């Protein structure tokens, strides 16, 4: 029996018994009639266009963030060594304060915490395969 799986609007051939006894009663699928197929295609096209808009927005955000330089102030001793470390949470806070963009600290990829004053490039994942390369300047207070 041909059915449309409602979770992702795809057409599938399944056993008649599986469709009648499991998929249809639980509203996980509908029979693949011409009207249902057309509706599923419209929903799929709408989801794809929304996804593309979202990708475009995140791509523009990545370009904006990559063009900026963010400054993080930390207590430092002589020779430029920090008393603590600059972590992903500190970078996320600086981005929020300086660019008014909220980033999840878990999406900021640091190999190790930053412990020396200087300039660093840090990768931040924004959406699926879209990332921004953040320029971070660590300065002494």
N, C-alpha and C. Protein backbone atom coordinates (compact mmCIF):
# COMPACT_ATOMS: atom_id res chain seq x y z
N UNK A 1 0.84 -1.17 0.00
CA UNK A 1 0.00 0.00 0.00
C UNK A 1 0.89 1.24 0.00
N UNK A 2 0.52 2.21 -0.80
CA UNK A 2 1.26 3.47 -0.86
C UNK A 2 0.68 4.42 0.17
N UNK A 3 1.57 4.96 1.01
CA UNK A 3 1.15 5.92 2.02
C UNK A 3 2.12 7.10 2.01
N UNK A 4 1.68 8.21 2.61
CA UNK A 4 2.53 9.37 2.80
C UNK A 4 2.86 9.43 4.28
N UNK A 5 4.14 9.31 4.60
CA UNK A 5 4.60 9.40 5.98
C UNK A 5 4.53 10.87 6.38
N UNK A 6 3.75 11.19 7.39
CA UNK A 6 3.49 12.59 7.75
C UNK A 6 4.69 13.29 8.38
N UNK A 7 5.58 12.55 8.98
CA UNK A 7 6.73 13.15 9.65
C UNK A 7 7.60 13.96 8.69
N UNK A 8 7.82 13.42 7.49
CA UNK A 8 8.68 14.12 6.53
C UNK A 8 8.08 14.21 5.13
N UNK A 9 6.78 13.96 5.02
CA UNK A 9 6.04 14.08 3.75
C UNK A 9 6.66 13.27 2.61
N UNK A 10 7.07 12.06 2.89
CA UNK A 10 7.61 11.23 1.83
C UNK A 10 6.64 10.08 1.54
N UNK A 11 6.67 9.63 0.31
CA UNK A 11 5.81 8.54 -0.12
C UNK A 11 6.56 7.24 0.08
N UNK A 12 5.87 6.26 0.67
CA UNK A 12 6.50 4.98 0.94
C UNK A 12 5.53 3.85 0.60
N UNK A 13 6.10 2.74 0.15
CA UNK A 13 5.33 1.51 -0.04
C UNK A 13 5.52 0.66 1.20
N UNK A 14 4.42 0.35 1.87
CA UNK A 14 4.48 -0.48 3.08
C UNK A 14 3.48 -1.62 2.94
N UNK A 15 3.66 -2.61 3.77
CA UNK A 15 2.73 -3.74 3.76
C UNK A 15 1.34 -3.25 4.17
N UNK A 16 0.30 -3.84 3.56
CA UNK A 16 -1.07 -3.42 3.83
C UNK A 16 -1.39 -3.52 5.32
N UNK A 17 -1.00 -4.60 5.94
CA UNK A 17 -1.30 -4.81 7.35
C UNK A 17 -0.61 -3.78 8.23
N UNK A 18 0.63 -3.45 7.91
CA UNK A 18 1.38 -2.45 8.68
C UNK A 18 0.68 -1.09 8.57
N UNK A 19 0.23 -0.75 7.38
CA UNK A 19 -0.46 0.53 7.19
C UNK A 19 -1.78 0.55 7.94
N UNK A 20 -2.60 -0.49 7.77
CA UNK A 20 -3.93 -0.53 8.40
C UNK A 20 -3.85 -0.63 9.93
N UNK A 21 -2.92 -1.42 10.44
CA UNK A 21 -2.89 -1.70 11.87
C UNK A 21 -1.99 -0.77 12.69
N UNK A 22 -1.04 -0.13 12.06
CA UNK A 22 -0.09 0.68 12.82
C UNK A 22 -0.06 2.14 12.35
N UNK A 23 0.29 2.37 11.10
CA UNK A 23 0.52 3.74 10.63
C UNK A 23 -0.75 4.59 10.60
N UNK A 24 -1.81 4.08 10.00
CA UNK A 24 -3.03 4.87 9.86
C UNK A 24 -3.73 5.12 11.19
N UNK A 25 -3.91 4.12 12.07
CA UNK A 25 -4.59 4.40 13.34
C UNK A 25 -3.82 5.38 14.24
N UNK A 26 -2.51 5.39 14.15
CA UNK A 26 -1.70 6.29 14.97
C UNK A 26 -1.46 7.64 14.29
N UNK A 27 -2.07 7.85 13.15
CA UNK A 27 -1.94 9.10 12.38
C UNK A 27 -0.49 9.41 12.05
N UNK A 28 0.27 8.37 11.74
CA UNK A 28 1.65 8.55 11.31
C UNK A 28 1.75 8.64 9.79
N UNK A 29 0.68 8.22 9.11
CA UNK A 29 0.65 8.24 7.65
C UNK A 29 -0.78 8.40 7.18
N UNK A 30 -0.91 8.77 5.91
CA UNK A 30 -2.22 8.85 5.25
C UNK A 30 -2.10 8.11 3.92
N UNK A 31 -3.22 7.57 3.41
CA UNK A 31 -3.16 6.91 2.11
C UNK A 31 -2.70 7.90 1.03
N UNK A 32 -1.94 7.41 0.07
CA UNK A 32 -1.36 8.26 -0.97
C UNK A 32 -2.35 8.47 -2.11
N UNK A 33 -3.32 9.35 -1.88
CA UNK A 33 -4.25 9.73 -2.93
C UNK A 33 -3.64 10.89 -3.71
N UNK A 34 -4.13 11.17 -4.91
CA UNK A 34 -3.55 12.30 -5.67
C UNK A 34 -3.63 13.63 -4.91
N UNK A 35 -4.73 13.87 -4.19
CA UNK A 35 -4.86 15.12 -3.44
C UNK A 35 -3.85 15.15 -2.28
N UNK A 36 -3.68 14.03 -1.59
CA UNK A 36 -2.74 13.97 -0.47
C UNK A 36 -1.30 14.14 -0.96
N UNK A 37 -1.00 13.58 -2.13
CA UNK A 37 0.35 13.72 -2.69
C UNK A 37 0.62 15.18 -3.03
N UNK A 38 -0.36 15.85 -3.65
CA UNK A 38 -0.19 17.27 -3.99
C UNK A 38 -0.01 18.11 -2.73
N UNK A 39 -0.78 17.83 -1.69
CA UNK A 39 -0.66 18.59 -0.43
C UNK A 39 0.71 18.34 0.20
N UNK A 40 1.19 17.10 0.16
CA UNK A 40 2.50 16.78 0.74
C UNK A 40 3.61 17.50 -0.02
N UNK A 41 3.50 17.58 -1.33
CA UNK A 41 4.51 18.29 -2.13
C UNK A 41 4.51 19.78 -1.79
N UNK A 42 3.31 20.36 -1.60
CA UNK A 42 3.25 21.79 -1.23
C UNK A 42 3.89 22.01 0.14
N UNK A 43 3.61 21.11 1.11
CA UNK A 43 4.21 21.26 2.43
C UNK A 43 5.72 21.10 2.36
N UNK A 44 6.20 20.14 1.57
CA UNK A 44 7.64 19.92 1.43
C UNK A 44 8.31 21.13 0.79
N UNK A 45 7.69 21.70 -0.26
CA UNK A 45 8.25 22.89 -0.90
C UNK A 45 8.30 24.07 0.06
N UNK A 46 7.25 24.22 0.88
CA UNK A 46 7.21 25.31 1.86
C UNK A 46 8.33 25.13 2.89
N UNK A 47 8.53 23.90 3.37
CA UNK A 47 9.60 23.64 4.34
C UNK A 47 10.97 23.94 3.73
N UNK A 48 11.16 23.55 2.46
CA UNK A 48 12.44 23.81 1.80
C UNK A 48 12.70 25.31 1.63
N UNK A 49 11.66 26.06 1.27
CA UNK A 49 11.86 27.50 1.10
C UNK A 49 12.14 28.17 2.45
N UNK A 50 11.47 27.73 3.53
CA UNK A 50 11.74 28.27 4.86
C UNK A 50 13.17 27.94 5.29
N UNK A 51 13.60 26.72 5.00
CA UNK A 51 14.96 26.32 5.33
C UNK A 51 15.98 27.17 4.57
N UNK A 52 15.71 27.44 3.31
CA UNK A 52 16.62 28.25 2.50
C UNK A 52 16.68 29.68 3.04
N UNK A 53 15.54 30.24 3.45
CA UNK A 53 15.54 31.58 4.04
C UNK A 53 16.36 31.60 5.32
N UNK A 54 16.20 30.57 6.13
CA UNK A 54 16.95 30.48 7.38
C UNK A 54 18.45 30.39 7.10
N UNK A 55 18.82 29.58 6.09
CA UNK A 55 20.23 29.45 5.72
C UNK A 55 20.79 30.81 5.26
N UNK A 56 20.01 31.54 4.47
CA UNK A 56 20.46 32.85 3.98
C UNK A 56 20.66 33.82 5.15
N UNK A 57 19.75 33.79 6.14
CA UNK A 57 19.87 34.67 7.30
C UNK A 57 21.13 34.33 8.09
N UNK A 58 21.38 33.04 8.30
CA UNK A 58 22.56 32.65 9.06
C UNK A 58 23.85 32.92 8.28
N UNK A 59 23.80 32.83 6.96
CA UNK A 59 24.97 33.14 6.14
C UNK A 59 25.30 34.63 6.27
N UNK A 60 24.28 35.48 6.25
CA UNK A 60 24.51 36.92 6.41
C UNK A 60 25.05 37.22 7.81
N UNK A 61 24.54 36.52 8.82
CA UNK A 61 25.03 36.70 10.18
C UNK A 61 26.49 36.27 10.29
N UNK A 62 26.83 35.17 9.63
CA UNK A 62 28.22 34.68 9.66
C UNK A 62 29.16 35.71 9.03
N UNK A 63 28.75 36.30 7.93
CA UNK A 63 29.57 37.32 7.28
C UNK A 63 29.74 38.55 8.17
N UNK A 64 28.64 38.93 8.85
CA UNK A 64 28.69 40.09 9.74
C UNK A 64 29.65 39.82 10.90
N UNK A 65 29.51 38.66 11.54
CA UNK A 65 30.35 38.34 12.69
C UNK A 65 31.81 38.18 12.29
N UNK A 66 32.06 37.65 11.10
CA UNK A 66 33.44 37.45 10.65
C UNK A 66 34.13 38.78 10.35
N UNK A 67 33.36 39.80 10.05
CA UNK A 67 33.97 41.09 9.72
C UNK A 67 34.28 41.93 10.96
N UNK A 68 33.74 41.53 12.11
CA UNK A 68 33.94 42.30 13.34
C UNK A 68 35.10 41.74 14.17
N UNK A 69 35.63 42.58 15.06
CA UNK A 69 36.65 42.13 16.00
C UNK A 69 36.09 42.35 17.41
N UNK A 70 36.14 41.32 18.21
CA UNK A 70 35.58 41.36 19.56
C UNK A 70 36.71 41.44 20.57
N UNK A 71 36.52 42.30 21.57
CA UNK A 71 37.53 42.49 22.60
C UNK A 71 37.04 41.88 23.90
N UNK A 72 37.90 41.07 24.51
CA UNK A 72 37.61 40.47 25.80
C UNK A 72 38.68 40.96 26.76
N UNK A 73 38.25 41.58 27.85
CA UNK A 73 39.18 42.07 28.86
C UNK A 73 39.31 41.05 29.98
N UNK A 74 40.53 40.85 30.43
CA UNK A 74 40.77 39.91 31.52
C UNK A 74 41.93 40.40 32.37
N UNK A 75 41.96 39.98 33.61
CA UNK A 75 43.06 40.33 34.49
C UNK A 75 44.32 39.60 34.03
N UNK A 76 45.40 40.36 33.93
CA UNK A 76 46.65 39.76 33.45
C UNK A 76 47.82 40.22 34.31
N UNK A 77 48.79 39.37 34.37
CA UNK A 77 50.01 39.70 35.09
C UNK A 77 51.07 40.19 34.13
N UNK A 78 52.28 40.19 34.60
CA UNK A 78 53.38 40.58 33.74
C UNK A 78 53.56 39.54 32.64
N UNK A 79 54.19 39.94 31.56
CA UNK A 79 54.46 39.08 30.41
C UNK A 79 53.20 38.63 29.68
N UNK A 80 52.05 39.24 29.98
CA UNK A 80 50.84 38.95 29.24
C UNK A 80 50.10 37.69 29.60
N UNK A 81 50.45 37.07 30.70
CA UNK A 81 49.74 35.86 31.11
C UNK A 81 48.50 36.24 31.91
N UNK A 82 47.39 35.59 31.59
CA UNK A 82 46.14 35.87 32.29
C UNK A 82 46.11 35.15 33.63
N UNK A 83 45.45 35.74 34.62
CA UNK A 83 45.29 35.09 35.91
C UNK A 83 44.32 33.92 35.80
N UNK A 84 43.33 34.06 34.97
CA UNK A 84 42.38 32.98 34.72
C UNK A 84 42.53 32.54 33.28
N UNK A 85 41.41 32.35 32.62
CA UNK A 85 41.42 31.98 31.21
C UNK A 85 40.18 32.57 30.55
N UNK A 86 40.27 32.81 29.26
CA UNK A 86 39.12 33.25 28.49
C UNK A 86 38.49 31.99 27.90
N UNK A 87 37.23 31.78 28.25
CA UNK A 87 36.53 30.57 27.82
C UNK A 87 35.49 30.92 26.76
N UNK A 88 34.82 29.90 26.27
CA UNK A 88 33.77 30.09 25.27
C UNK A 88 32.64 30.95 25.83
N UNK A 89 32.35 30.82 27.11
CA UNK A 89 31.29 31.63 27.73
C UNK A 89 31.67 33.11 27.71
N UNK A 90 32.94 33.42 27.96
CA UNK A 90 33.40 34.81 27.92
C UNK A 90 33.29 35.38 26.50
N UNK A 91 33.61 34.56 25.53
CA UNK A 91 33.52 35.00 24.12
C UNK A 91 32.06 35.24 23.75
N UNK A 92 31.17 34.33 24.16
CA UNK A 92 29.75 34.49 23.87
C UNK A 92 29.20 35.77 24.50
N UNK A 93 29.65 36.07 25.71
CA UNK A 93 29.22 37.28 26.41
C UNK A 93 29.72 38.53 25.67
N UNK A 94 30.96 38.50 25.19
CA UNK A 94 31.52 39.63 24.44
C UNK A 94 30.76 39.85 23.13
N UNK A 95 30.42 38.77 22.45
CA UNK A 95 29.67 38.89 21.19
C UNK A 95 28.30 39.49 21.46
N UNK A 96 27.67 39.06 22.53
CA UNK A 96 26.34 39.59 22.86
C UNK A 96 26.42 41.07 23.19
N UNK A 97 27.44 41.49 23.95
CA UNK A 97 27.57 42.90 24.33
C UNK A 97 27.95 43.79 23.16
N UNK A 98 28.84 43.31 22.30
CA UNK A 98 29.39 44.16 21.26
C UNK A 98 28.63 44.10 19.94
N UNK A 99 28.00 42.96 19.63
CA UNK A 99 27.29 42.84 18.35
C UNK A 99 25.80 42.58 18.54
N UNK A 100 25.36 42.45 19.79
CA UNK A 100 23.97 42.17 20.10
C UNK A 100 23.46 40.92 19.41
N UNK A 101 24.32 39.91 19.36
CA UNK A 101 23.98 38.60 18.79
C UNK A 101 24.24 37.56 19.86
N UNK A 102 23.22 36.77 20.13
CA UNK A 102 23.37 35.76 21.18
C UNK A 102 23.86 34.45 20.56
N UNK A 103 25.01 34.00 21.04
CA UNK A 103 25.59 32.73 20.60
C UNK A 103 25.58 31.76 21.77
N UNK A 104 25.35 30.50 21.47
CA UNK A 104 25.43 29.46 22.48
C UNK A 104 26.90 29.15 22.71
N UNK A 105 27.32 29.16 23.95
CA UNK A 105 28.74 28.93 24.26
C UNK A 105 29.19 27.55 23.79
N UNK A 106 28.27 26.61 23.68
CA UNK A 106 28.61 25.25 23.25
C UNK A 106 28.92 25.19 21.76
N UNK A 107 28.50 26.21 21.02
CA UNK A 107 28.75 26.26 19.58
C UNK A 107 30.07 26.94 19.24
N UNK A 108 30.73 27.50 20.24
CA UNK A 108 32.02 28.16 20.03
C UNK A 108 33.11 27.12 20.24
N UNK A 109 33.93 26.92 19.22
CA UNK A 109 34.93 25.86 19.24
C UNK A 109 36.31 26.40 19.63
N UNK A 110 36.67 26.14 20.87
CA UNK A 110 38.00 26.48 21.37
C UNK A 110 38.76 25.18 21.59
N UNK A 111 40.00 25.12 21.09
CA UNK A 111 40.81 23.93 21.35
C UNK A 111 41.16 23.85 22.83
N UNK A 112 41.50 25.01 23.39
CA UNK A 112 41.86 25.11 24.81
C UNK A 112 41.51 26.53 25.26
N UNK A 113 41.28 26.72 26.54
CA UNK A 113 41.02 28.08 27.02
C UNK A 113 42.20 29.00 26.70
N UNK A 114 41.90 30.25 26.43
CA UNK A 114 42.92 31.24 26.08
C UNK A 114 43.54 31.77 27.36
N UNK A 115 44.87 31.69 27.48
CA UNK A 115 45.55 32.08 28.72
C UNK A 115 46.60 33.16 28.52
N UNK A 116 46.72 33.70 27.30
CA UNK A 116 47.74 34.71 27.02
C UNK A 116 47.08 35.84 26.23
N UNK A 117 47.48 37.07 26.54
CA UNK A 117 46.97 38.23 25.81
C UNK A 117 47.39 38.13 24.35
N UNK A 118 46.47 38.49 23.46
CA UNK A 118 46.79 38.46 22.04
C UNK A 118 45.53 38.42 21.20
N UNK A 119 45.73 38.13 19.91
CA UNK A 119 44.62 38.04 18.97
C UNK A 119 44.45 36.59 18.55
N UNK A 120 43.20 36.15 18.49
CA UNK A 120 42.89 34.76 18.18
C UNK A 120 41.74 34.69 17.18
N UNK A 121 41.70 33.60 16.43
CA UNK A 121 40.58 33.31 15.55
C UNK A 121 39.86 32.10 16.13
N UNK A 122 38.56 32.25 16.32
CA UNK A 122 37.76 31.21 16.94
C UNK A 122 36.57 30.91 16.03
N UNK A 123 36.30 29.64 15.83
CA UNK A 123 35.20 29.22 14.97
C UNK A 123 33.93 29.06 15.81
N UNK A 124 32.82 29.59 15.28
CA UNK A 124 31.52 29.46 15.95
C UNK A 124 30.52 28.88 14.96
N UNK A 125 29.94 27.74 15.31
CA UNK A 125 28.92 27.13 14.45
C UNK A 125 27.61 27.86 14.64
N UNK A 126 26.99 28.24 13.53
CA UNK A 126 25.74 28.97 13.61
C UNK A 126 24.54 28.12 13.22
N UNK A 127 24.66 27.38 12.10
CA UNK A 127 23.52 26.61 11.60
C UNK A 127 24.04 25.56 10.64
N UNK A 128 23.69 24.32 10.87
CA UNK A 128 24.09 23.18 10.04
C UNK A 128 25.56 23.28 9.65
N UNK A 129 25.87 23.67 8.41
CA UNK A 129 27.27 23.74 7.98
C UNK A 129 27.77 25.18 7.86
N UNK A 130 27.06 26.13 8.45
CA UNK A 130 27.45 27.53 8.38
C UNK A 130 28.16 27.92 9.67
N UNK A 131 29.38 28.41 9.53
CA UNK A 131 30.18 28.82 10.68
C UNK A 131 30.73 30.22 10.44
N UNK A 132 31.04 30.89 11.53
CA UNK A 132 31.67 32.21 11.46
C UNK A 132 33.04 32.12 12.12
N UNK A 133 33.99 32.81 11.55
CA UNK A 133 35.33 32.86 12.15
C UNK A 133 35.43 34.19 12.91
N UNK A 134 35.39 34.08 14.24
CA UNK A 134 35.40 35.26 15.09
C UNK A 134 36.83 35.72 15.36
N UNK A 135 37.06 37.02 15.25
CA UNK A 135 38.37 37.58 15.59
C UNK A 135 38.27 38.08 17.02
N UNK A 136 39.03 37.47 17.91
CA UNK A 136 38.98 37.78 19.32
C UNK A 136 40.28 38.45 19.72
N UNK A 137 40.19 39.61 20.37
CA UNK A 137 41.35 40.30 20.89
C UNK A 137 41.26 40.26 22.41
N UNK A 138 42.21 39.60 23.03
CA UNK A 138 42.24 39.51 24.48
C UNK A 138 43.16 40.60 24.99
N UNK A 139 42.61 41.47 25.85
CA UNK A 139 43.37 42.60 26.37
C UNK A 139 43.37 42.56 27.90
N UNK A 140 44.38 43.18 28.47
CA UNK A 140 44.47 43.26 29.94
C UNK A 140 43.56 44.37 30.44
N UNK A 141 42.98 44.17 31.61
CA UNK A 141 42.14 45.21 32.22
C UNK A 141 42.98 46.34 32.72
